[in-house]
C-alpha atoms as a PDB file:
ATOM      1  CA  UNK A   1     -11.438 -23.810  32.632  1.00  0.00           C
ATOM      2  CA  UNK A   2      -7.783 -24.861  32.591  1.00  0.00           C
ATOM      3  CA  UNK A   3      -7.094 -22.654  29.564  1.00  0.00           C
ATOM      4  CA  UNK A   4      -8.824 -19.702  31.237  1.00  0.00           C
ATOM      5  CA  UNK A   5      -6.783 -20.117  34.410  1.00  0.00           C
ATOM      6  CA  UNK A   6      -3.590 -20.427  32.390  1.00  0.00           C
ATOM      7  CA  UNK A   7      -4.347 -17.200  30.505  1.00  0.00           C
ATOM      8  CA  UNK A   8      -5.119 -15.447  33.797  1.00  0.00           C
ATOM      9  CA  UNK A   9      -1.821 -16.583  35.276  1.00  0.00           C
ATOM     10  CA  UNK A  10       0.089 -15.468  32.180  1.00  0.00           C
ATOM     11  CA  UNK A  11      -1.274 -11.942  32.253  1.00  0.00           C
ATOM     12  CA  UNK A  12      -0.929 -11.706  36.026  1.00  0.00           C
ATOM     13  CA  UNK A  13       2.833 -11.983  35.492  1.00  0.00           C
ATOM     14  CA  UNK A  14       2.755  -8.463  34.022  1.00  0.00           C
ATOM     15  CA  UNK A  15       1.056  -6.901  37.051  1.00  0.00           C
ATOM     16  CA  UNK A  16       4.423  -5.624  38.261  1.00  0.00           C
ATOM     17  CA  UNK A  17       6.323  -2.595  36.989  1.00  0.00           C
ATOM     18  CA  UNK A  18       9.702  -4.280  37.372  1.00  0.00           C
ATOM     19  CA  UNK A  19       8.761  -7.124  35.055  1.00  0.00           C
ATOM     20  CA  UNK A  20       7.454  -4.745  32.415  1.00  0.00           C
ATOM     21  CA  UNK A  21      10.679  -2.741  32.753  1.00  0.00           C
ATOM     22  CA  UNK A  22      12.688  -5.937  32.146  1.00  0.00           C
ATOM     23  CA  UNK A  23      10.818  -6.571  28.899  1.00  0.00           C
ATOM     24  CA  UNK A  24      11.332  -2.938  27.858  1.00  0.00           C
ATOM     25  CA  UNK A  25      15.056  -3.167  28.612  1.00  0.00           C
ATOM     26  CA  UNK A  26      15.411  -6.192  26.336  1.00  0.00           C
ATOM     27  CA  UNK A  27      13.441  -4.500  23.554  1.00  0.00           C
ATOM     28  CA  UNK A  28      15.584  -1.336  23.807  1.00  0.00           C
ATOM     29  CA  UNK A  29      18.775  -3.420  23.799  1.00  0.00           C
ATOM     30  CA  UNK A  30      17.607  -5.248  20.688  1.00  0.00           C
ATOM     31  CA  UNK A  31      16.806  -1.931  18.995  1.00  0.00           C
ATOM     32  CA  UNK A  32      20.139  -0.335  19.901  1.00  0.00           C
ATOM     33  CA  UNK A  33      22.188  -3.396  18.938  1.00  0.00           C
ATOM     34  CA  UNK A  34      20.282  -4.065  15.725  1.00  0.00           C
ATOM     35  CA  UNK A  35      22.545  -5.391  13.019  1.00  0.00           C
ATOM     36  CA  UNK A  36      21.803  -7.400   9.910  1.00  0.00           C
ATOM     37  CA  UNK A  37      21.421 -11.014  10.977  1.00  0.00           C
ATOM     38  CA  UNK A  38      22.043 -10.195  14.643  1.00  0.00           C
ATOM     39  CA  UNK A  39      18.964 -12.075  15.834  1.00  0.00           C
ATOM     40  CA  UNK A  40      17.355 -11.586  19.238  1.00  0.00           C
ATOM     41  CA  UNK A  41      19.289  -9.550  21.784  1.00  0.00           C
ATOM     42  CA  UNK A  42      20.441 -11.443  24.858  1.00  0.00           C
ATOM     43  CA  UNK A  43      21.280  -9.655  28.088  1.00  0.00           C
ATOM     44  CA  UNK A  44      23.161 -11.156  30.994  1.00  0.00           C
ATOM     45  CA  UNK A  45      21.903 -10.929  34.557  1.00  0.00           C
ATOM     46  CA  UNK A  46      24.271  -8.080  35.472  1.00  0.00           C
ATOM     47  CA  UNK A  47      23.336  -6.098  32.341  1.00  0.00           C
ATOM     48  CA  UNK A  48      19.644  -6.302  33.210  1.00  0.00           C
ATOM     49  CA  UNK A  49      20.423  -5.330  36.808  1.00  0.00           C
ATOM     50  CA  UNK A  50      22.161  -2.167  35.552  1.00  0.00           C
ATOM     51  CA  UNK A  51      19.195  -1.227  33.342  1.00  0.00           C
ATOM     52  CA  UNK A  52      16.258  -1.935  35.634  1.00  0.00           C
ATOM     53  CA  UNK A  53      15.357  -0.149  38.854  1.00  0.00           C
ATOM     54  CA  UNK A  54      15.134  -3.112  41.219  1.00  0.00           C
ATOM     55  CA  UNK A  55      15.886  -3.277  44.950  1.00  0.00           C
ATOM     56  CA  UNK A  56      18.496  -6.041  44.907  1.00  0.00           C
ATOM     57  CA  UNK A  57      19.777  -9.013  42.898  1.00  0.00           C
ATOM     58  CA  UNK A  58      17.516 -11.439  44.752  1.00  0.00           C
ATOM     59  CA  UNK A  59      14.438  -9.503  43.645  1.00  0.00           C
ATOM     60  CA  UNK A  60      15.709  -9.405  40.059  1.00  0.00           C
ATOM     61  CA  UNK A  61      16.388 -13.140  40.110  1.00  0.00           C
ATOM     62  CA  UNK A  62      12.842 -13.734  41.326  1.00  0.00           C
ATOM     63  CA  UNK A  63      11.260 -11.587  38.585  1.00  0.00           C
ATOM     64  CA  UNK A  64      13.406 -13.168  35.862  1.00  0.00           C
ATOM     65  CA  UNK A  65      12.350 -16.601  37.098  1.00  0.00           C
ATOM     66  CA  UNK A  66       8.685 -15.615  36.889  1.00  0.00           C
ATOM     67  CA  UNK A  67       9.050 -14.279  33.316  1.00  0.00           C
ATOM     68  CA  UNK A  68      11.172 -17.131  31.957  1.00  0.00           C
ATOM     69  CA  UNK A  69       9.412 -19.711  29.750  1.00  0.00           C
ATOM     70  CA  UNK A  70       6.508 -17.339  29.119  1.00  0.00           C
ATOM     71  CA  UNK A  71       7.894 -13.928  28.173  1.00  0.00           C
ATOM     72  CA  UNK A  72      11.628 -14.708  28.280  1.00  0.00           C
ATOM     73  CA  UNK A  73      14.003 -17.413  27.093  1.00  0.00           C
ATOM     74  CA  UNK A  74      17.103 -18.259  29.128  1.00  0.00           C
ATOM     75  CA  UNK A  75      20.352 -19.562  27.667  1.00  0.00           C
ATOM     76  CA  UNK A  76      24.023 -19.696  28.676  1.00  0.00           C
ATOM     77  CA  UNK A  77      24.424 -16.196  27.193  1.00  0.00           C
ATOM     78  CA  UNK A  78      21.575 -14.592  29.096  1.00  0.00           C
ATOM     79  CA  UNK A  79      17.928 -13.706  28.614  1.00  0.00           C
ATOM     80  CA  UNK A  80      16.018 -12.851  25.442  1.00  0.00           C
ATOM     81  CA  UNK A  81      12.398 -12.194  24.510  1.00  0.00           C
ATOM     82  CA  UNK A  82      10.147 -15.133  23.643  1.00  0.00           C
ATOM     83  CA  UNK A  83       7.396 -14.859  21.031  1.00  0.00           C
ATOM     84  CA  UNK A  84       4.924 -13.804  23.712  1.00  0.00           C
ATOM     85  CA  UNK A  85       7.467 -11.340  25.095  1.00  0.00           C
ATOM     86  CA  UNK A  86       8.015  -9.824  21.653  1.00  0.00           C
ATOM     87  CA  UNK A  87       4.306  -9.406  21.006  1.00  0.00           C
ATOM     88  CA  UNK A  88       3.428  -7.954  24.394  1.00  0.00           C
ATOM     89  CA  UNK A  89       6.370  -5.534  24.655  1.00  0.00           C
ATOM     90  CA  UNK A  90       5.741  -4.149  21.139  1.00  0.00           C
ATOM     91  CA  UNK A  91       2.105  -3.714  22.126  1.00  0.00           C
ATOM     92  CA  UNK A  92       3.191  -1.793  25.230  1.00  0.00           C
ATOM     93  CA  UNK A  93       5.836   0.333  23.503  1.00  0.00           C
ATOM     94  CA  UNK A  94       3.508   1.335  20.645  1.00  0.00           C
ATOM     95  CA  UNK A  95       0.757   2.362  23.046  1.00  0.00           C
ATOM     96  CA  UNK A  96      -1.773   0.252  21.173  1.00  0.00           C
ATOM     97  CA  UNK A  97      -3.631  -0.373  24.415  1.00  0.00           C
ATOM     98  CA  UNK A  98      -4.702   3.281  24.411  1.00  0.00           C
ATOM     99  CA  UNK A  99      -7.776   4.739  22.751  1.00  0.00           C
ATOM    100  CA  UNK A 100      -7.028   5.943  19.194  1.00  0.00           C
ATOM    101  CA  UNK A 101      -7.045   9.646  18.506  1.00  0.00           C
ATOM    102  CA  UNK A 102     -10.031  11.108  16.681  1.00  0.00           C
ATOM    103  CA  UNK A 103     -10.196  11.204  12.898  1.00  0.00           C
ATOM    104  CA  UNK A 104     -12.796  12.534  10.495  1.00  0.00           C
ATOM    105  CA  UNK A 105     -15.279  12.720   9.160  1.00  0.00           C
ATOM    106  CA  UNK A 106     -13.346  13.296   5.932  1.00  0.00           C
ATOM    107  CA  UNK A 107     -14.337  12.845   2.302  1.00  0.00           C
ATOM    108  CA  UNK A 108     -12.635   9.931   0.520  1.00  0.00           C
ATOM    109  CA  UNK A 109     -12.542   8.847  -3.121  1.00  0.00           C
ATOM    110  CA  UNK A 110     -14.825   6.115  -4.408  1.00  0.00           C
ATOM    111  CA  UNK A 111     -18.487   5.402  -5.042  1.00  0.00           C
ATOM    112  CA  UNK A 112     -21.113   3.749  -2.896  1.00  0.00           C
ATOM    113  CA  UNK A 113     -21.651   0.083  -3.811  1.00  0.00           C
ATOM    114  CA  UNK A 114     -25.327   0.426  -2.852  1.00  0.00           C
ATOM    115  CA  UNK A 115     -26.404   3.616  -4.661  1.00  0.00           C
ATOM    116  CA  UNK A 116     -23.480   4.507  -6.941  1.00  0.00           C
ATOM    117  CA  UNK A 117     -23.046   8.034  -5.575  1.00  0.00           C
ATOM    118  CA  UNK A 118     -19.637   9.650  -5.001  1.00  0.00           C
ATOM    119  CA  UNK A 119     -20.485  10.562  -1.438  1.00  0.00           C
ATOM    120  CA  UNK A 120     -18.146   8.576   0.779  1.00  0.00           C
ATOM    121  CA  UNK A 121     -17.048   9.832   4.179  1.00  0.00           C
ATOM    122  CA  UNK A 122     -14.486   8.264   6.524  1.00  0.00           C
ATOM    123  CA  UNK A 123     -14.300   8.480  10.303  1.00  0.00           C
ATOM    124  CA  UNK A 124     -13.077   6.414  13.225  1.00  0.00           C
ATOM    125  CA  UNK A 125     -15.530   4.096  14.908  1.00  0.00           C
ATOM    126  CA  UNK A 126     -13.911   2.243  17.814  1.00  0.00           C
ATOM    127  CA  UNK A 127     -11.046   0.169  16.316  1.00  0.00           C
ATOM    128  CA  UNK A 128     -12.184   0.648  12.703  1.00  0.00           C
ATOM    129  CA  UNK A 129     -11.947   3.231   9.967  1.00  0.00           C
ATOM    130  CA  UNK A 130     -15.591   3.303   8.973  1.00  0.00           C
ATOM    131  CA  UNK A 131     -16.663   4.552   5.554  1.00  0.00           C
ATOM    132  CA  UNK A 132     -20.274   5.609   5.063  1.00  0.00           C
ATOM    133  CA  UNK A 133     -22.265   6.916   2.118  1.00  0.00           C
ATOM    134  CA  UNK A 134     -23.807  10.266   3.001  1.00  0.00           C
ATOM    135  CA  UNK A 135     -26.283   9.920   0.102  1.00  0.00           C
ATOM    136  CA  UNK A 136     -28.032   6.671   1.110  1.00  0.00           C
ATOM    137  CA  UNK A 137     -26.695   6.526   4.696  1.00  0.00           C
ATOM    138  CA  UNK A 138     -25.352   2.985   4.290  1.00  0.00           C
ATOM    139  CA  UNK A 139     -22.107   1.779   5.863  1.00  0.00           C
ATOM    140  CA  UNK A 140     -19.887   0.918   2.908  1.00  0.00           C
ATOM    141  CA  UNK A 141     -16.990  -0.757   4.693  1.00  0.00           C
ATOM    142  CA  UNK A 142     -14.968  -0.895   7.881  1.00  0.00           C
ATOM    143  CA  UNK A 143     -11.228  -1.534   8.095  1.00  0.00           C
ATOM    144  CA  UNK A 144      -9.388  -2.301  11.374  1.00  0.00           C
ATOM    145  CA  UNK A 145      -6.793   0.203  12.591  1.00  0.00           C
ATOM    146  CA  UNK A 146      -4.372   0.569  15.506  1.00  0.00           C
ATOM    147  CA  UNK A 147      -3.953   3.607  17.773  1.00  0.00           C
ATOM    148  CA  UNK A 148      -0.304   3.948  16.683  1.00  0.00           C
ATOM    149  CA  UNK A 149      -1.393   3.928  13.055  1.00  0.00           C
ATOM    150  CA  UNK A 150      -3.599   6.969  13.703  1.00  0.00           C
ATOM    151  CA  UNK A 151      -1.184   8.759  16.025  1.00  0.00           C
ATOM    152  CA  UNK A 152       1.839   8.693  13.696  1.00  0.00           C
ATOM    153  CA  UNK A 153       0.133   9.911  10.495  1.00  0.00           C
ATOM    154  CA  UNK A 154      -1.851  12.850   9.211  1.00  0.00           C
ATOM    155  CA  UNK A 155      -5.192  12.496   7.411  1.00  0.00           C
ATOM    156  CA  UNK A 156      -4.220  11.446   3.886  1.00  0.00           C
ATOM    157  CA  UNK A 157      -1.249   9.404   5.053  1.00  0.00           C
ATOM    158  CA  UNK A 158      -3.478   7.596   7.556  1.00  0.00           C
ATOM    159  CA  UNK A 159      -6.081   6.695   4.922  1.00  0.00           C
ATOM    160  CA  UNK A 160      -3.316   5.448   2.638  1.00  0.00           C
ATOM    161  CA  UNK A 161      -1.937   3.269   5.436  1.00  0.00           C
ATOM    162  CA  UNK A 162      -5.388   1.701   5.844  1.00  0.00           C
ATOM    163  CA  UNK A 163      -5.462   0.907   2.121  1.00  0.00           C
ATOM    164  CA  UNK A 164      -2.044  -0.736   2.208  1.00  0.00           C
ATOM    165  CA  UNK A 165      -2.815  -2.715   5.339  1.00  0.00           C
ATOM    166  CA  UNK A 166      -6.142  -3.957   3.972  1.00  0.00           C
ATOM    167  CA  UNK A 167      -4.353  -5.093   0.797  1.00  0.00           C
ATOM    168  CA  UNK A 168      -1.725  -6.960   2.842  1.00  0.00           C
ATOM    169  CA  UNK A 169      -4.394  -8.585   4.995  1.00  0.00           C
ATOM    170  CA  UNK A 170      -6.355  -9.640   1.909  1.00  0.00           C
ATOM    171  CA  UNK A 171      -3.261 -11.249   0.389  1.00  0.00           C
ATOM    172  CA  UNK A 172      -2.612 -13.235   3.559  1.00  0.00           C
ATOM    173  CA  UNK A 173      -6.242 -14.335   3.757  1.00  0.00           C
ATOM    174  CA  UNK A 174      -6.098 -15.513   0.146  1.00  0.00           C
ATOM    175  CA  UNK A 175      -3.095 -17.671   1.136  1.00  0.00           C
ATOM    176  CA  UNK A 176      -5.108 -19.135   4.030  1.00  0.00           C
ATOM    177  CA  UNK A 177      -3.083 -17.356   6.726  1.00  0.00           C
ATOM    178  CA  UNK A 178      -4.778 -15.450   9.533  1.00  0.00           C
ATOM    179  CA  UNK A 179      -3.424 -11.852   9.616  1.00  0.00           C
ATOM    180  CA  UNK A 180      -4.097 -11.753  13.353  1.00  0.00           C
ATOM    181  CA  UNK A 181      -2.313 -14.863  14.648  1.00  0.00           C
ATOM    182  CA  UNK A 182      -0.730 -16.599  11.641  1.00  0.00           C
ATOM    183  CA  UNK A 183      -2.762 -19.816  11.963  1.00  0.00           C
ATOM    184  CA  UNK A 184      -4.255 -21.525   8.932  1.00  0.00           C
ATOM    185  CA  UNK A 185      -7.668 -20.324   7.800  1.00  0.00           C
ATOM    186  CA  UNK A 186     -10.535 -22.406   6.496  1.00  0.00           C
ATOM    187  CA  UNK A 187     -12.720 -20.840   3.825  1.00  0.00           C
ATOM    188  CA  UNK A 188     -16.066 -21.420   2.218  1.00  0.00           C
ATOM    189  CA  UNK A 189     -18.189 -19.585  -0.325  1.00  0.00           C
ATOM    190  CA  UNK A 190     -21.776 -18.814   0.607  1.00  0.00           C
ATOM    191  CA  UNK A 191     -24.609 -17.262  -1.349  1.00  0.00           C
ATOM    192  CA  UNK A 192     -26.361 -14.328   0.304  1.00  0.00           C
ATOM    193  CA  UNK A 193     -29.558 -13.832  -1.729  1.00  0.00           C
ATOM    194  CA  UNK A 194     -30.978 -11.117   0.531  1.00  0.00           C
ATOM    195  CA  UNK A 195     -27.863  -8.924   0.425  1.00  0.00           C
ATOM    196  CA  UNK A 196     -28.302  -5.267  -0.591  1.00  0.00           C
ATOM    197  CA  UNK A 197     -25.200  -5.643  -2.769  1.00  0.00           C
ATOM    198  CA  UNK A 198     -25.675  -5.506  -6.549  1.00  0.00           C
ATOM    199  CA  UNK A 199     -26.668  -8.752  -8.266  1.00  0.00           C
ATOM    200  CA  UNK A 200     -23.165  -8.799  -9.737  1.00  0.00           C
ATOM    201  CA  UNK A 201     -21.803 -10.082  -6.435  1.00  0.00           C
ATOM    202  CA  UNK A 202     -24.107 -12.004  -4.116  1.00  0.00           C
ATOM    203  CA  UNK A 203     -21.403 -14.594  -3.313  1.00  0.00           C
ATOM    204  CA  UNK A 204     -19.351 -14.084  -0.152  1.00  0.00           C
ATOM    205  CA  UNK A 205     -16.162 -15.791   1.038  1.00  0.00           C
ATOM    206  CA  UNK A 206     -16.038 -16.505   4.765  1.00  0.00           C
ATOM    207  CA  UNK A 207     -12.550 -17.302   6.087  1.00  0.00           C
ATOM    208  CA  UNK A 208     -12.426 -18.527   9.682  1.00  0.00           C
ATOM    209  CA  UNK A 209      -9.577 -18.994  12.156  1.00  0.00           C
ATOM    210  CA  UNK A 210     -10.229 -21.736  14.691  1.00  0.00           C
ATOM    211  CA  UNK A 211      -7.264 -20.594  16.823  1.00  0.00           C
ATOM    212  CA  UNK A 212      -7.987 -16.907  17.557  1.00  0.00           C
ATOM    213  CA  UNK A 213     -11.640 -17.083  16.402  1.00  0.00           C
ATOM    214  CA  UNK A 214     -11.330 -14.232  13.903  1.00  0.00           C
ATOM    215  CA  UNK A 215     -13.591 -14.332  10.855  1.00  0.00           C
ATOM    216  CA  UNK A 216     -13.027 -12.490   7.602  1.00  0.00           C
ATOM    217  CA  UNK A 217     -15.798 -11.893   5.062  1.00  0.00           C
ATOM    218  CA  UNK A 218     -15.427 -10.585   1.540  1.00  0.00           C
ATOM    219  CA  UNK A 219     -17.475 -10.532  -1.664  1.00  0.00           C
ATOM    220  CA  UNK A 220     -16.097 -13.205  -3.995  1.00  0.00           C
ATOM    221  CA  UNK A 221     -14.963 -10.625  -6.555  1.00  0.00           C
ATOM    222  CA  UNK A 222     -12.909  -8.738  -3.976  1.00  0.00           C
ATOM    223  CA  UNK A 223     -11.263 -11.923  -2.723  1.00  0.00           C
ATOM    224  CA  UNK A 224      -9.248 -12.194  -5.962  1.00  0.00           C
ATOM    225  CA  UNK A 225      -8.430  -8.512  -6.529  1.00  0.00           C
ATOM    226  CA  UNK A 226      -4.903  -8.921  -5.128  1.00  0.00           C
ATOM    227  CA  UNK A 227      -4.202 -12.193  -6.935  1.00  0.00           C
ATOM    228  CA  UNK A 228      -1.108 -11.835  -9.199  1.00  0.00           C
ATOM    229  CA  UNK A 229      -3.225 -12.316 -12.333  1.00  0.00           C
ATOM    230  CA  UNK A 230      -5.497  -9.433 -11.310  1.00  0.00           C
ATOM    231  CA  UNK A 231      -2.612  -7.194 -10.229  1.00  0.00           C
ATOM    232  CA  UNK A 232      -0.789  -7.728 -13.534  1.00  0.00           C
ATOM    233  CA  UNK A 233      -3.948  -7.300 -15.625  1.00  0.00           C
ATOM    234  CA  UNK A 234      -4.835  -3.985 -14.006  1.00  0.00           C
ATOM    235  CA  UNK A 235      -1.221  -2.754 -13.897  1.00  0.00           C
ATOM    236  CA  UNK A 236      -1.039  -3.192 -17.685  1.00  0.00           C
ATOM    237  CA  UNK A 237      -4.020  -0.842 -17.885  1.00  0.00           C
ATOM    238  CA  UNK A 238      -2.604   1.825 -15.582  1.00  0.00           C
ATOM    239  CA  UNK A 239      -4.329   0.753 -12.371  1.00  0.00           C
ATOM    240  CA  UNK A 240      -2.316  -0.167  -9.276  1.00  0.00           C
ATOM    241  CA  UNK A 241      -4.895  -2.191  -7.343  1.00  0.00           C
ATOM    242  CA  UNK A 242      -2.322  -2.963  -4.613  1.00  0.00           C
ATOM    243  CA  UNK A 243      -2.379   0.722  -3.593  1.00  0.00           C
ATOM    244  CA  UNK A 244      -6.157   1.041  -3.460  1.00  0.00           C
ATOM    245  CA  UNK A 245      -8.621   0.443  -0.679  1.00  0.00           C
ATOM    246  CA  UNK A 246     -11.413  -2.058  -1.163  1.00  0.00           C
ATOM    247  CA  UNK A 247     -13.983   0.747  -1.178  1.00  0.00           C
ATOM    248  CA  UNK A 248     -12.318   2.149  -4.307  1.00  0.00           C
ATOM    249  CA  UNK A 249     -13.401  -0.962  -6.212  1.00  0.00           C
ATOM    250  CA  UNK A 250     -17.109  -0.519  -5.507  1.00  0.00           C
ATOM    251  CA  UNK A 251     -17.688   1.301  -8.797  1.00  0.00           C
ATOM    252  CA  UNK A 252     -16.719  -1.792 -10.786  1.00  0.00           C
ATOM    253  CA  UNK A 253     -19.191  -3.978  -8.874  1.00  0.00           C
ATOM    254  CA  UNK A 254     -21.975  -1.403  -8.947  1.00  0.00           C
ATOM    255  CA  UNK A 255     -21.637  -0.964 -12.725  1.00  0.00           C
ATOM    256  CA  UNK A 256     -21.544  -4.727 -13.273  1.00  0.00           C
ATOM    257  CA  UNK A 257     -18.011  -4.777 -14.657  1.00  0.00           C
ATOM    258  CA  UNK A 258     -16.856  -7.165 -11.929  1.00  0.00           C
ATOM    259  CA  UNK A 259     -19.035 -10.260 -11.628  1.00  0.00           C
ATOM    260  CA  UNK A 260     -19.030 -13.656  -9.925  1.00  0.00           C
ATOM    261  CA  UNK A 261     -21.078 -16.787 -10.442  1.00  0.00           C
ATOM    262  CA  UNK A 262     -21.213 -20.413  -9.420  1.00  0.00           C
ATOM    263  CA  UNK A 263     -20.392 -22.574 -12.428  1.00  0.00           C
ATOM    264  CA  UNK A 264     -20.557 -26.103 -10.993  1.00  0.00           C
ATOM    265  CA  UNK A 265     -21.630 -28.060  -7.935  1.00  0.00           C
ATOM    266  CA  UNK A 266     -20.494 -31.228  -6.162  1.00  0.00           C
ATOM    267  CA  UNK A 267     -17.847 -29.954  -5.830  1.00  0.00           C
ATOM    268  CA  UNK A 268     -18.703 -26.283  -6.074  1.00  0.00           C
ATOM    269  CA  UNK A 269     -16.761 -24.193  -8.571  1.00  0.00           C
ATOM    270  CA  UNK A 270     -16.892 -20.473  -9.229  1.00  0.00           C
ATOM    271  CA  UNK A 271     -15.860 -17.910 -11.809  1.00  0.00           C
ATOM    272  CA  UNK A 272     -14.961 -14.260 -11.292  1.00  0.00           C
ATOM    273  CA  UNK A 273     -14.599 -11.875 -14.225  1.00  0.00           C
ATOM    274  CA  UNK A 274     -12.854  -8.515 -13.756  1.00  0.00           C
ATOM    275  CA  UNK A 275     -13.386  -6.211 -16.758  1.00  0.00           C
ATOM    276  CA  UNK A 276     -11.373  -3.105 -17.584  1.00  0.00           C
ATOM    277  CA  UNK A 277     -10.769  -1.053 -20.762  1.00  0.00           C
ATOM    278  CA  UNK A 278     -12.733  -3.467 -22.936  1.00  0.00           C
ATOM    279  CA  UNK A 279     -10.712  -6.515 -21.833  1.00  0.00           C
ATOM    280  CA  UNK A 280     -11.116  -8.905 -18.937  1.00  0.00           C
ATOM    281  CA  UNK A 281      -9.335 -11.356 -16.700  1.00  0.00           C
ATOM    282  CA  UNK A 282     -11.255 -14.484 -15.734  1.00  0.00           C
ATOM    283  CA  UNK A 283     -10.373 -16.383 -12.560  1.00  0.00           C
ATOM    284  CA  UNK A 284     -11.592 -19.890 -11.741  1.00  0.00           C
ATOM    285  CA  UNK A 285     -12.034 -20.837  -8.086  1.00  0.00           C
ATOM    286  CA  UNK A 286     -12.704 -24.043  -6.195  1.00  0.00           C
ATOM    287  CA  UNK A 287     -15.051 -24.560  -3.234  1.00  0.00           C
ATOM    288  CA  UNK A 288     -12.566 -22.915  -0.832  1.00  0.00           C
ATOM    289  CA  UNK A 289     -12.253 -19.771  -3.011  1.00  0.00           C
ATOM    290  CA  UNK A 290      -8.743 -20.815  -4.087  1.00  0.00           C
ATOM    291  CA  UNK A 291      -7.833 -19.667  -7.601  1.00  0.00           C
ATOM    292  CA  UNK A 292      -7.110 -22.763  -9.686  1.00  0.00           C
ATOM    293  CA  UNK A 293      -6.843 -21.125 -13.113  1.00  0.00           C
ATOM    294  CA  UNK A 294      -6.857 -17.775 -14.897  1.00  0.00           C
ATOM    295  CA  UNK A 295      -7.148 -16.411 -18.416  1.00  0.00           C
ATOM    296  CA  UNK A 296      -7.288 -13.047 -20.106  1.00  0.00           C
ATOM    297  CA  UNK A 297     -10.023 -12.191 -22.576  1.00  0.00           C
ATOM    298  CA  UNK A 298      -9.501  -9.541 -25.243  1.00  0.00           C
ATOM    299  CA  UNK A 299     -12.349  -7.417 -26.454  1.00  0.00           C
ATOM    300  CA  UNK A 300     -14.720  -8.243 -23.585  1.00  0.00           C
ATOM    301  CA  UNK A 301     -17.373  -5.556 -23.535  1.00  0.00           C
ATOM    302  CA  UNK A 302     -16.935  -2.978 -20.821  1.00  0.00           C
ATOM    303  CA  UNK A 303     -20.490  -1.642 -21.163  1.00  0.00           C
ATOM    304  CA  UNK A 304     -23.175  -3.050 -18.891  1.00  0.00           C
ATOM    305  CA  UNK A 305     -26.706  -2.043 -18.033  1.00  0.00           C
ATOM    306  CA  UNK A 306     -28.286  -2.636 -14.659  1.00  0.00           C
ATOM    307  CA  UNK A 307     -31.738  -4.148 -14.448  1.00  0.00           C
END
């Protein structure tokens, strides 16, 4: 209850236009004064008074007092944005509290991991770019987006931004860092025997954040796609995996070229094999899906038959 009341009090501080204008003024000052190594912008009391429409200095002093220690820091040189101030004012300036503009449906490259058809279609669904297969009517994937991300790009550029962001998020998750809040993630590998995914990948990594309560799930094969060993292996074969969306890897799983298996227990150990152009890269993982070893294999067969 104490935490809930504290959060309520914190957000109640922003229920005043003058206070929001103060945060905006500091963000604009930081933007206009931006220099390499300049750090956070600090504005003196009189500078803020000149920038903000406030009745008198007493009112400004009151509002600054309310914001300080939560959204502002105060020093001998003036006021600057705190971490919370930075996050909330960027959220306000970007308009990410608004509903995203419409997008799609549009055809995107890739195959369905469930039926193997090249029939993928992307559209917005709430705060996600949702990709469905129009052949088997399965949802293939969903990637989070922001309203500003949609608003500032056209169709192809927007889809590409989703690919790049999903790759960045996956890299952070692999390093046990929550993309949402920066806290440390805990991860475990679970077997999902009833999954409609191909037999080549019935193992799923679940990464959980106990701070912001976000959870990230990924097939075990996909969890290592952006590992340096995988990036280098595919780059040598003309494939830039760092510029591809996760849905563009479904073909490899569906055809059985990317596989995962549990190789030991107590403690659990796993192996992922990514095959391409007749060769392969093998990655060894521990119980937390951390890569503990890699090797390349020459001449690994690239032909597989599905049973």
